[in-house]
Amino acid sequence: MTEVLTTKGRLIGKILIDWSANKATENENIHFKQSLCKGMQNIRFTSDNLNEIFEKNEHEDGYIICYEIENLHEKVTVTLTLDKRHIGKRMQKTCNQLLNALNLNDNGDEQIKLKLWDISEETANISQIEEVLNQVYDYEISYFETELKKWLTDHSRKIKPFPQFEFESINNTELPDEILIEGAMRDILSNKYERNLKARSRCIAYYGTACQVCGFDFGVVYGEDFAGKIEVHHIKPLYEIKEDYVVDPIKDLVPVCPNCHLVLHSKKDSVYTVEEVKEMFK
C-alpha cells in the first residue's frame, strides 16, 4: 500500500524531484524521467554506466537497474535497485555476475537493493537535503560509478565498496575548556561528531590516509594492518558548527596524524592552521 505523504513528505518529494532533474541537466551521464518515478515516494534516475549493464534498461514502468531516492516516513535514503521482472534468460548471466561482483546472493525477491546510502539522519533538516545529496553523489555514488565502469570491461572483477575508516574518539582538543564544564553541551557536540562520520569517510576518500601536514602514513610505516588509522581535523572547530550546517568533507576537514593534530590544537585561545604547522617543519 502506498504511503500517504504528509505536507513535509510532499515538500521533501518536490526537493528530491527537482534535485534529480537538475542533476540530469548538469551532467549528461545522468538520466531522469519523472514519468518513471513512483510519485514523490520513489524518485528514480540512471547513468550511462547503469544503462550499459543490460541490453534494454528502460521499460514503461521503470528500469531494470537504477538509483532510487526513497522518501518514506519523512526519511530519505538512496538505493541502487535491481528489478528482476524484466530480466530474461539472456540477461540472467549478467545479473548473476553483477551480484557476485557486489558479494550478494539472489534472494529470490523481484527487487533487490544492491547498494544503500542511508542519509536519513543527515537530511533530518529539510534545508540540508540538496547539499547532502550532492555530497553523496560527488563522493560515494561517483566512487561506485568508477568501480562499475571497471567492472563493465571485466565482469570477473569485484566492485569495491566505498572505503570506511577507523576514527579516533572525540577528545578534549576538539572542545574549548569553558564548554567542557557543561556535560550536556559535550553530549550535544559528541552527537554532532557522530553525524559527521560520513563526512570524515568522504574526506579521507578524497585526500587519502597520509597526514596532510607532515605526510606520515600509518600503513606505509607500520604495515597493512595499520592502514587507514588517521585522525581527521575540523578546520572549522566542532563547537562552532551550527545545527543547520552541512560539513564539507573537503573544505572543512583534513586528515592529520596524532602528533600534528595535537600541535594544531596547541595554540593558546585558538587553533593553528594547517599552513602554520607546515611552516614549523621548515
C-alpha atoms as a PDB file:
ATOM      1  CA  MET A   1       0.000   0.000   0.000  1.00  0.00           C
ATOM      2  CA  THR A   2       1.396   3.382  -0.995  1.00  0.00           C
ATOM      3  CA  GLU A   3       2.157   5.662   1.937  1.00  0.00           C
ATOM      4  CA  VAL A   4       0.085   8.846   2.138  1.00  0.00           C
ATOM      5  CA  LEU A   5       2.610  11.654   2.319  1.00  0.00           C
ATOM      6  CA  THR A   6       2.373  14.390   4.910  1.00  0.00           C
ATOM      7  CA  THR A   7       2.844  18.037   3.948  1.00  0.00           C
ATOM      8  CA  LYS A   8       6.502  17.708   4.938  1.00  0.00           C
ATOM      9  CA  GLY A   9       6.788  14.487   2.929  1.00  0.00           C
ATOM     10  CA  ARG A  10       5.403  16.194  -0.183  1.00  0.00           C
ATOM     11  CA  LEU A  11       7.841  19.074   0.281  1.00  0.00           C
ATOM     12  CA  ILE A  12      10.716  16.604   0.573  1.00  0.00           C
ATOM     13  CA  GLY A  13       9.463  14.812  -2.553  1.00  0.00           C
ATOM     14  CA  LYS A  14       9.486  18.033  -4.564  1.00  0.00           C
ATOM     15  CA  ILE A  15      13.040  18.779  -3.410  1.00  0.00           C
ATOM     16  CA  LEU A  16      14.150  15.284  -4.468  1.00  0.00           C
ATOM     17  CA  ILE A  17      12.491  15.536  -7.890  1.00  0.00           C
ATOM     18  CA  ASP A  18      13.980  18.979  -8.526  1.00  0.00           C
ATOM     19  CA  TRP A  19      17.431  17.779  -7.437  1.00  0.00           C
ATOM     20  CA  SER A  20      17.269  14.765  -9.785  1.00  0.00           C
ATOM     21  CA  ALA A  21      16.083  16.886 -12.713  1.00  0.00           C
ATOM     22  CA  ASN A  22      18.818  19.465 -12.108  1.00  0.00           C
ATOM     23  CA  LYS A  23      21.495  16.771 -11.794  1.00  0.00           C
ATOM     24  CA  ALA A  24      20.437  15.307 -15.156  1.00  0.00           C
ATOM     25  CA  THR A  25      20.574  18.779 -16.718  1.00  0.00           C
ATOM     26  CA  GLU A  26      24.047  19.463 -15.306  1.00  0.00           C
ATOM     27  CA  ASN A  27      25.506  16.020 -16.067  1.00  0.00           C
ATOM     28  CA  GLU A  28      24.976  14.399 -19.469  1.00  0.00           C
ATOM     29  CA  ASN A  29      25.789  10.984 -17.965  1.00  0.00           C
ATOM     30  CA  ILE A  30      22.736  11.135 -15.674  1.00  0.00           C
ATOM     31  CA  HIS A  31      19.226  10.404 -16.974  1.00  0.00           C
ATOM     32  CA  PHE A  32      15.959  11.304 -15.252  1.00  0.00           C
ATOM     33  CA  LYS A  33      12.322  10.928 -16.305  1.00  0.00           C
ATOM     34  CA  GLN A  34       9.693  11.915 -13.785  1.00  0.00           C
ATOM     35  CA  SER A  35       7.182   9.679 -15.564  1.00  0.00           C
ATOM     36  CA  LEU A  36       9.231   6.646 -14.463  1.00  0.00           C
ATOM     37  CA  CYS A  37       9.181   7.662 -10.801  1.00  0.00           C
ATOM     38  CA  LYS A  38       6.674   6.323  -8.297  1.00  0.00           C
ATOM     39  CA  GLY A  39       5.045   9.576  -7.270  1.00  0.00           C
ATOM     40  CA  MET A  40       7.053  11.510  -4.709  1.00  0.00           C
ATOM     41  CA  GLN A  41       7.994   8.402  -2.730  1.00  0.00           C
ATOM     42  CA  ASN A  42      10.438   6.770  -5.147  1.00  0.00           C
ATOM     43  CA  ILE A  43      12.420   9.125  -7.371  1.00  0.00           C
ATOM     44  CA  ARG A  44      14.478   7.231  -9.941  1.00  0.00           C
ATOM     45  CA  PHE A  45      17.411   8.116 -12.162  1.00  0.00           C
ATOM     46  CA  THR A  46      20.028   6.192 -14.105  1.00  0.00           C
ATOM     47  CA  SER A  47      23.504   6.720 -15.521  1.00  0.00           C
ATOM     48  CA  ASP A  48      25.295   5.793 -18.722  1.00  0.00           C
ATOM     49  CA  ASN A  49      27.103   3.013 -16.841  1.00  0.00           C
ATOM     50  CA  LEU A  50      23.885   1.541 -15.423  1.00  0.00           C
ATOM     51  CA  ASN A  51      22.224   1.652 -18.836  1.00  0.00           C
ATOM     52  CA  GLU A  52      25.145  -0.285 -20.301  1.00  0.00           C
ATOM     53  CA  ILE A  53      24.730  -3.291 -17.986  1.00  0.00           C
ATOM     54  CA  PHE A  54      21.612  -4.695 -19.625  1.00  0.00           C
ATOM     55  CA  GLU A  55      20.566  -4.656 -23.273  1.00  0.00           C
ATOM     56  CA  LYS A  56      17.426  -2.639 -22.505  1.00  0.00           C
ATOM     57  CA  ASN A  57      17.353  -0.958 -19.118  1.00  0.00           C
ATOM     58  CA  GLU A  58      14.313   1.296 -19.501  1.00  0.00           C
ATOM     59  CA  HIS A  59      10.754  -0.038 -19.513  1.00  0.00           C
ATOM     60  CA  GLU A  60       7.365   1.676 -19.405  1.00  0.00           C
ATOM     61  CA  ASP A  61       7.026   1.061 -15.658  1.00  0.00           C
ATOM     62  CA  GLY A  62      10.610   1.797 -14.633  1.00  0.00           C
ATOM     63  CA  TYR A  63      14.106   0.382 -15.019  1.00  0.00           C
ATOM     64  CA  ILE A  64      15.863  -2.927 -14.559  1.00  0.00           C
ATOM     65  CA  ILE A  65      18.529  -1.126 -12.540  1.00  0.00           C
ATOM     66  CA  CYS A  66      18.505   2.443 -11.267  1.00  0.00           C
ATOM     67  CA  TYR A  67      19.306   4.744  -8.400  1.00  0.00           C
ATOM     68  CA  GLU A  68      16.209   5.269  -6.293  1.00  0.00           C
ATOM     69  CA  ILE A  69      15.764   8.062  -3.769  1.00  0.00           C
ATOM     70  CA  GLU A  70      13.202   6.802  -1.290  1.00  0.00           C
ATOM     71  CA  ASN A  71      11.059   9.326   0.565  1.00  0.00           C
ATOM     72  CA  LEU A  72       9.311   7.244   3.213  1.00  0.00           C
ATOM     73  CA  HIS A  73       8.121   8.292   6.673  1.00  0.00           C
ATOM     74  CA  GLU A  74       9.806  11.679   6.088  1.00  0.00           C
ATOM     75  CA  LYS A  75      13.203   9.950   5.873  1.00  0.00           C
ATOM     76  CA  VAL A  76      15.485   9.913   2.834  1.00  0.00           C
ATOM     77  CA  THR A  77      17.606   7.007   1.614  1.00  0.00           C
ATOM     78  CA  VAL A  78      19.317   6.392  -1.709  1.00  0.00           C
ATOM     79  CA  THR A  79      19.460   2.852  -3.059  1.00  0.00           C
ATOM     80  CA  LEU A  80      20.723   1.071  -6.132  1.00  0.00           C
ATOM     81  CA  THR A  81      17.752  -1.118  -7.009  1.00  0.00           C
ATOM     82  CA  LEU A  82      17.627  -4.141  -9.314  1.00  0.00           C
ATOM     83  CA  ASP A  83      14.172  -5.089 -10.647  1.00  0.00           C
ATOM     84  CA  LYS A  84      14.319  -8.652 -11.987  1.00  0.00           C
ATOM     85  CA  ARG A  85      10.865  -8.662 -13.597  1.00  0.00           C
ATOM     86  CA  HIS A  86      12.302  -7.610 -16.959  1.00  0.00           C
ATOM     87  CA  ILE A  87      15.401  -9.820 -16.844  1.00  0.00           C
ATOM     88  CA  GLY A  88      15.124 -12.596 -19.402  1.00  0.00           C
ATOM     89  CA  LYS A  89      17.298 -15.680 -19.787  1.00  0.00           C
ATOM     90  CA  ARG A  90      19.798 -13.801 -21.971  1.00  0.00           C
ATOM     91  CA  MET A  91      20.338 -11.263 -19.190  1.00  0.00           C
ATOM     92  CA  GLN A  92      20.462 -13.709 -16.280  1.00  0.00           C
ATOM     93  CA  LYS A  93      24.192 -14.411 -16.603  1.00  0.00           C
ATOM     94  CA  THR A  94      24.989 -10.694 -16.448  1.00  0.00           C
ATOM     95  CA  CYS A  95      22.679 -10.333 -13.453  1.00  0.00           C
ATOM     96  CA  ASN A  96      24.484 -13.147 -11.612  1.00  0.00           C
ATOM     97  CA  GLN A  97      27.888 -11.643 -12.447  1.00  0.00           C
ATOM     98  CA  LEU A  98      26.791  -8.276 -11.080  1.00  0.00           C
ATOM     99  CA  LEU A  99      25.524  -9.812  -7.843  1.00  0.00           C
ATOM    100  CA  ASN A 100      28.793 -11.716  -7.470  1.00  0.00           C
ATOM    101  CA  ALA A 101      30.816  -8.543  -8.057  1.00  0.00           C
ATOM    102  CA  LEU A 102      28.924  -6.928  -5.166  1.00  0.00           C
ATOM    103  CA  ASN A 103      29.239 -10.040  -2.953  1.00  0.00           C
ATOM    104  CA  LEU A 104      25.457 -10.506  -2.955  1.00  0.00           C
ATOM    105  CA  ASN A 105      23.219 -13.525  -3.437  1.00  0.00           C
ATOM    106  CA  ASP A 106      19.944 -13.733  -5.333  1.00  0.00           C
ATOM    107  CA  ASN A 107      17.368 -13.883  -2.540  1.00  0.00           C
ATOM    108  CA  GLY A 108      14.530 -14.715  -4.924  1.00  0.00           C
ATOM    109  CA  ASP A 109      12.781 -11.369  -4.500  1.00  0.00           C
ATOM    110  CA  GLU A 110      11.619  -9.439  -7.554  1.00  0.00           C
ATOM    111  CA  GLN A 111      13.554  -6.389  -6.361  1.00  0.00           C
ATOM    112  CA  ILE A 112      16.998  -6.396  -4.774  1.00  0.00           C
ATOM    113  CA  LYS A 113      18.658  -3.457  -3.041  1.00  0.00           C
ATOM    114  CA  LEU A 114      22.211  -3.685  -4.344  1.00  0.00           C
ATOM    115  CA  LYS A 115      23.520  -0.614  -2.512  1.00  0.00           C
ATOM    116  CA  LEU A 116      22.177   1.597   0.249  1.00  0.00           C
ATOM    117  CA  TRP A 117      23.176   5.121   1.193  1.00  0.00           C
ATOM    118  CA  ASP A 118      21.217   5.942   4.346  1.00  0.00           C
ATOM    119  CA  ILE A 119      21.190   9.726   4.676  1.00  0.00           C
ATOM    120  CA  SER A 120      18.074   9.970   6.841  1.00  0.00           C
ATOM    121  CA  GLU A 121      19.958  11.471   9.800  1.00  0.00           C
ATOM    122  CA  GLU A 122      21.915  13.861   7.590  1.00  0.00           C
ATOM    123  CA  THR A 123      18.718  15.102   5.937  1.00  0.00           C
ATOM    124  CA  ALA A 124      16.549  15.471   9.047  1.00  0.00           C
ATOM    125  CA  ASN A 125      16.707  19.211   8.379  1.00  0.00           C
ATOM    126  CA  ILE A 126      14.921  19.825   5.045  1.00  0.00           C
ATOM    127  CA  SER A 127      17.231  22.718   4.188  1.00  0.00           C
ATOM    128  CA  GLN A 128      20.192  20.293   4.106  1.00  0.00           C
ATOM    129  CA  ILE A 129      18.752  17.722   1.688  1.00  0.00           C
ATOM    130  CA  GLU A 130      20.178  19.096  -1.561  1.00  0.00           C
ATOM    131  CA  GLU A 131      23.646  19.665  -0.140  1.00  0.00           C
ATOM    132  CA  VAL A 132      23.782  16.181   1.392  1.00  0.00           C
ATOM    133  CA  LEU A 133      22.585  14.596  -1.872  1.00  0.00           C
ATOM    134  CA  ASN A 134      25.315  16.480  -3.728  1.00  0.00           C
ATOM    135  CA  GLN A 135      27.918  15.056  -1.348  1.00  0.00           C
ATOM    136  CA  VAL A 136      26.560  11.513  -1.679  1.00  0.00           C
ATOM    137  CA  TYR A 137      26.633  11.826  -5.462  1.00  0.00           C
ATOM    138  CA  ASP A 138      30.008  13.597  -5.713  1.00  0.00           C
ATOM    139  CA  TYR A 139      31.853  11.156  -3.443  1.00  0.00           C
ATOM    140  CA  GLU A 140      30.050   7.872  -2.809  1.00  0.00           C
ATOM    141  CA  ILE A 141      27.957   7.352  -5.944  1.00  0.00           C
ATOM    142  CA  SER A 142      30.780   8.674  -8.132  1.00  0.00           C
ATOM    143  CA  TYR A 143      33.138   6.206  -6.424  1.00  0.00           C
ATOM    144  CA  PHE A 144      30.696   3.389  -7.196  1.00  0.00           C
ATOM    145  CA  GLU A 145      30.323   4.583 -10.798  1.00  0.00           C
ATOM    146  CA  THR A 146      34.113   4.441 -11.232  1.00  0.00           C
ATOM    147  CA  GLU A 147      34.177   0.878  -9.905  1.00  0.00           C
ATOM    148  CA  LEU A 148      31.189  -0.063 -12.079  1.00  0.00           C
ATOM    149  CA  LYS A 149      32.905   1.268 -15.193  1.00  0.00           C
ATOM    150  CA  LYS A 150      35.886  -1.009 -14.470  1.00  0.00           C
ATOM    151  CA  TRP A 151      33.532  -3.951 -13.979  1.00  0.00           C
ATOM    152  CA  LEU A 152      31.852  -3.290 -17.334  1.00  0.00           C
ATOM    153  CA  THR A 153      35.161  -4.098 -19.040  1.00  0.00           C
ATOM    154  CA  ASP A 154      35.764  -7.211 -16.923  1.00  0.00           C
ATOM    155  CA  HIS A 155      32.782  -8.970 -15.349  1.00  0.00           C
ATOM    156  CA  SER A 156      35.050 -11.210 -13.277  1.00  0.00           C
ATOM    157  CA  ARG A 157      36.346  -8.361 -11.099  1.00  0.00           C
ATOM    158  CA  LYS A 158      34.850  -7.228  -7.805  1.00  0.00           C
ATOM    159  CA  ILE A 159      33.207  -3.836  -7.304  1.00  0.00           C
ATOM    160  CA  LYS A 160      34.987  -2.363  -4.301  1.00  0.00           C
ATOM    161  CA  PRO A 161      32.819  -0.709  -1.644  1.00  0.00           C
ATOM    162  CA  PHE A 162      33.335   2.900  -0.629  1.00  0.00           C
ATOM    163  CA  PRO A 163      36.199   2.878   1.913  1.00  0.00           C
ATOM    164  CA  GLN A 164      35.324   3.081   5.593  1.00  0.00           C
ATOM    165  CA  PHE A 165      37.927   4.190   8.097  1.00  0.00           C
ATOM    166  CA  GLU A 166      38.559   3.835  11.793  1.00  0.00           C
ATOM    167  CA  PHE A 167      38.322   7.166  13.579  1.00  0.00           C
ATOM    168  CA  GLU A 168      39.546   8.444  16.902  1.00  0.00           C
ATOM    169  CA  SER A 169      37.064   9.151  19.673  1.00  0.00           C
ATOM    170  CA  ILE A 170      36.179  12.753  20.377  1.00  0.00           C
ATOM    171  CA  ASN A 171      38.747  14.280  22.693  1.00  0.00           C
ATOM    172  CA  ASN A 172      39.340  17.464  24.630  1.00  0.00           C
ATOM    173  CA  THR A 173      41.398  19.067  21.862  1.00  0.00           C
ATOM    174  CA  GLU A 174      38.174  19.421  19.873  1.00  0.00           C
ATOM    175  CA  LEU A 175      36.329  21.357  22.605  1.00  0.00           C
ATOM    176  CA  PRO A 176      37.141  24.590  24.468  1.00  0.00           C
ATOM    177  CA  ASP A 177      37.576  24.456  28.268  1.00  0.00           C
ATOM    178  CA  GLU A 178      34.505  26.574  29.015  1.00  0.00           C
ATOM    179  CA  ILE A 179      32.261  24.157  27.112  1.00  0.00           C
ATOM    180  CA  LEU A 180      33.790  21.113  28.807  1.00  0.00           C
ATOM    181  CA  ILE A 181      32.320  22.339  32.088  1.00  0.00           C
ATOM    182  CA  GLU A 182      28.831  21.669  30.770  1.00  0.00           C
ATOM    183  CA  GLY A 183      28.356  17.925  30.375  1.00  0.00           C
ATOM    184  CA  ALA A 184      25.105  18.361  28.460  1.00  0.00           C
ATOM    185  CA  MET A 185      26.828  20.537  25.884  1.00  0.00           C
ATOM    186  CA  ARG A 186      29.519  17.900  25.471  1.00  0.00           C
ATOM    187  CA  ASP A 187      26.822  15.285  24.777  1.00  0.00           C
ATOM    188  CA  ILE A 188      25.331  17.518  22.078  1.00  0.00           C
ATOM    189  CA  LEU A 189      28.724  18.003  20.466  1.00  0.00           C
ATOM    190  CA  SER A 190      29.502  14.290  20.678  1.00  0.00           C
ATOM    191  CA  ASN A 191      26.260  13.530  18.826  1.00  0.00           C
ATOM    192  CA  LYS A 192      27.154  16.120  16.212  1.00  0.00           C
ATOM    193  CA  TYR A 193      30.569  14.463  15.878  1.00  0.00           C
ATOM    194  CA  GLU A 194      28.932  11.085  15.260  1.00  0.00           C
ATOM    195  CA  ARG A 195      26.760  12.561  12.489  1.00  0.00           C
ATOM    196  CA  ASN A 196      29.921  13.842  10.805  1.00  0.00           C
ATOM    197  CA  LEU A 197      31.463  10.359  10.479  1.00  0.00           C
ATOM    198  CA  LYS A 198      30.229  10.037   6.908  1.00  0.00           C
ATOM    199  CA  ALA A 199      31.801  13.378   6.034  1.00  0.00           C
ATOM    200  CA  ARG A 200      35.050  12.071   7.549  1.00  0.00           C
ATOM    201  CA  SER A 201      34.974   8.981   5.333  1.00  0.00           C
ATOM    202  CA  ARG A 202      34.368  11.212   2.304  1.00  0.00           C
ATOM    203  CA  CYS A 203      37.261  13.431   3.410  1.00  0.00           C
ATOM    204  CA  ILE A 204      39.738  10.532   3.570  1.00  0.00           C
ATOM    205  CA  ALA A 205      38.431   9.038   0.331  1.00  0.00           C
ATOM    206  CA  TYR A 206      39.355  12.380  -1.277  1.00  0.00           C
ATOM    207  CA  TYR A 207      42.671  13.189   0.452  1.00  0.00           C
ATOM    208  CA  GLY A 208      43.967   9.701   1.196  1.00  0.00           C
ATOM    209  CA  THR A 209      45.265   8.342   4.504  1.00  0.00           C
ATOM    210  CA  ALA A 210      48.525  10.307   4.747  1.00  0.00           C
ATOM    211  CA  CYS A 211      48.791  13.260   7.141  1.00  0.00           C
ATOM    212  CA  GLN A 212      48.233  16.441   5.161  1.00  0.00           C
ATOM    213  CA  VAL A 213      50.731  18.285   7.370  1.00  0.00           C
ATOM    214  CA  CYS A 214      53.792  16.012   7.611  1.00  0.00           C
ATOM    215  CA  GLY A 215      52.945  13.218   5.147  1.00  0.00           C
ATOM    216  CA  PHE A 216      53.072  10.411   7.737  1.00  0.00           C
ATOM    217  CA  ASP A 217      51.070   7.312   6.727  1.00  0.00           C
ATOM    218  CA  PHE A 218      50.491   4.545   9.280  1.00  0.00           C
ATOM    219  CA  GLY A 219      50.064   1.902   6.584  1.00  0.00           C
ATOM    220  CA  VAL A 220      53.369   2.752   4.909  1.00  0.00           C
ATOM    221  CA  VAL A 221      55.364   2.869   8.161  1.00  0.00           C
ATOM    222  CA  TYR A 222      53.765   0.070  10.200  1.00  0.00           C
ATOM    223  CA  GLY A 223      52.233  -2.173   7.547  1.00  0.00           C
ATOM    224  CA  GLU A 224      48.848  -3.028   6.063  1.00  0.00           C
ATOM    225  CA  ASP A 225      47.255  -3.820   9.455  1.00  0.00           C
ATOM    226  CA  PHE A 226      47.591  -0.140  10.379  1.00  0.00           C
ATOM    227  CA  ALA A 227      46.479   1.329   7.053  1.00  0.00           C
ATOM    228  CA  GLY A 228      43.779   3.975   7.364  1.00  0.00           C
ATOM    229  CA  LYS A 229      44.437   4.750  11.047  1.00  0.00           C
ATOM    230  CA  ILE A 230      44.384   8.503  10.661  1.00  0.00           C
ATOM    231  CA  GLU A 231      42.681  11.303  12.554  1.00  0.00           C
ATOM    232  CA  VAL A 232      40.531  13.991  10.957  1.00  0.00           C
ATOM    233  CA  HIS A 233      40.891  17.630  11.954  1.00  0.00           C
ATOM    234  CA  HIS A 234      37.986  20.063  11.827  1.00  0.00           C
ATOM    235  CA  ILE A 235      39.325  23.178  10.129  1.00  0.00           C
ATOM    236  CA  LYS A 236      36.102  24.787  11.306  1.00  0.00           C
ATOM    237  CA  PRO A 237      36.083  23.968  15.056  1.00  0.00           C
ATOM    238  CA  LEU A 238      33.469  21.411  16.059  1.00  0.00           C
ATOM    239  CA  TYR A 239      31.921  23.713  18.661  1.00  0.00           C
ATOM    240  CA  GLU A 240      31.351  26.401  16.003  1.00  0.00           C
ATOM    241  CA  ILE A 241      29.367  24.123  13.697  1.00  0.00           C
ATOM    242  CA  LYS A 242      25.714  25.092  13.837  1.00  0.00           C
ATOM    243  CA  GLU A 243      22.882  22.573  13.708  1.00  0.00           C
ATOM    244  CA  ASP A 244      21.858  23.601  10.187  1.00  0.00           C
ATOM    245  CA  TYR A 245      25.400  23.468   8.772  1.00  0.00           C
ATOM    246  CA  VAL A 246      26.416  20.611   6.470  1.00  0.00           C
ATOM    247  CA  VAL A 247      30.101  19.799   6.889  1.00  0.00           C
ATOM    248  CA  ASP A 248      32.013  19.974   3.608  1.00  0.00           C
ATOM    249  CA  PRO A 249      34.422  16.988   3.613  1.00  0.00           C
ATOM    250  CA  ILE A 250      36.998  18.842   1.501  1.00  0.00           C
ATOM    251  CA  LYS A 251      36.851  22.424   2.779  1.00  0.00           C
ATOM    252  CA  ASP A 252      36.072  21.754   6.455  1.00  0.00           C
ATOM    253  CA  LEU A 253      38.061  18.585   7.207  1.00  0.00           C
ATOM    254  CA  VAL A 254      41.625  17.376   6.709  1.00  0.00           C
ATOM    255  CA  PRO A 255      43.374  14.067   7.634  1.00  0.00           C
ATOM    256  CA  VAL A 256      46.249  14.505  10.103  1.00  0.00           C
ATOM    257  CA  CYS A 257      48.420  12.241  12.257  1.00  0.00           C
ATOM    258  CA  PRO A 258      48.008  12.366  16.083  1.00  0.00           C
ATOM    259  CA  ASN A 259      51.181  14.430  16.556  1.00  0.00           C
ATOM    260  CA  CYS A 260      50.180  17.117  14.065  1.00  0.00           C
ATOM    261  CA  HIS A 261      46.619  17.065  15.401  1.00  0.00           C
ATOM    262  CA  LEU A 262      47.946  17.818  18.878  1.00  0.00           C
ATOM    263  CA  VAL A 263      50.063  20.693  17.546  1.00  0.00           C
ATOM    264  CA  LEU A 264      47.118  22.138  15.597  1.00  0.00           C
ATOM    265  CA  HIS A 265      45.169  22.432  18.856  1.00  0.00           C
ATOM    266  CA  SER A 266      48.102  23.742  20.916  1.00  0.00           C
ATOM    267  CA  LYS A 267      47.728  27.427  20.067  1.00  0.00           C
ATOM    268  CA  LYS A 268      46.654  29.494  23.056  1.00  0.00           C
ATOM    269  CA  ASP A 269      42.992  30.561  22.810  1.00  0.00           C
ATOM    270  CA  SER A 270      42.841  29.415  19.182  1.00  0.00           C
ATOM    271  CA  VAL A 271      43.848  26.729  16.680  1.00  0.00           C
ATOM    272  CA  TYR A 272      46.816  26.724  14.326  1.00  0.00           C
ATOM    273  CA  THR A 273      46.080  26.447  10.629  1.00  0.00           C
ATOM    274  CA  VAL A 274      47.489  23.557   8.608  1.00  0.00           C
ATOM    275  CA  GLU A 275      49.719  26.045   6.776  1.00  0.00           C
ATOM    276  CA  GLU A 276      51.103  27.409  10.062  1.00  0.00           C
ATOM    277  CA  VAL A 277      52.068  23.934  11.276  1.00  0.00           C
ATOM    278  CA  LYS A 278      53.636  23.095   7.905  1.00  0.00           C
ATOM    279  CA  GLU A 279      55.838  26.180   8.309  1.00  0.00           C
ATOM    280  CA  MET A 280      57.158  24.751  11.586  1.00  0.00           C
ATOM    281  CA  PHE A 281      58.844  21.957   9.608  1.00  0.00           C
ATOM    282  CA  LYS A 282      60.954  24.427   7.602  1.00  0.00           C
END
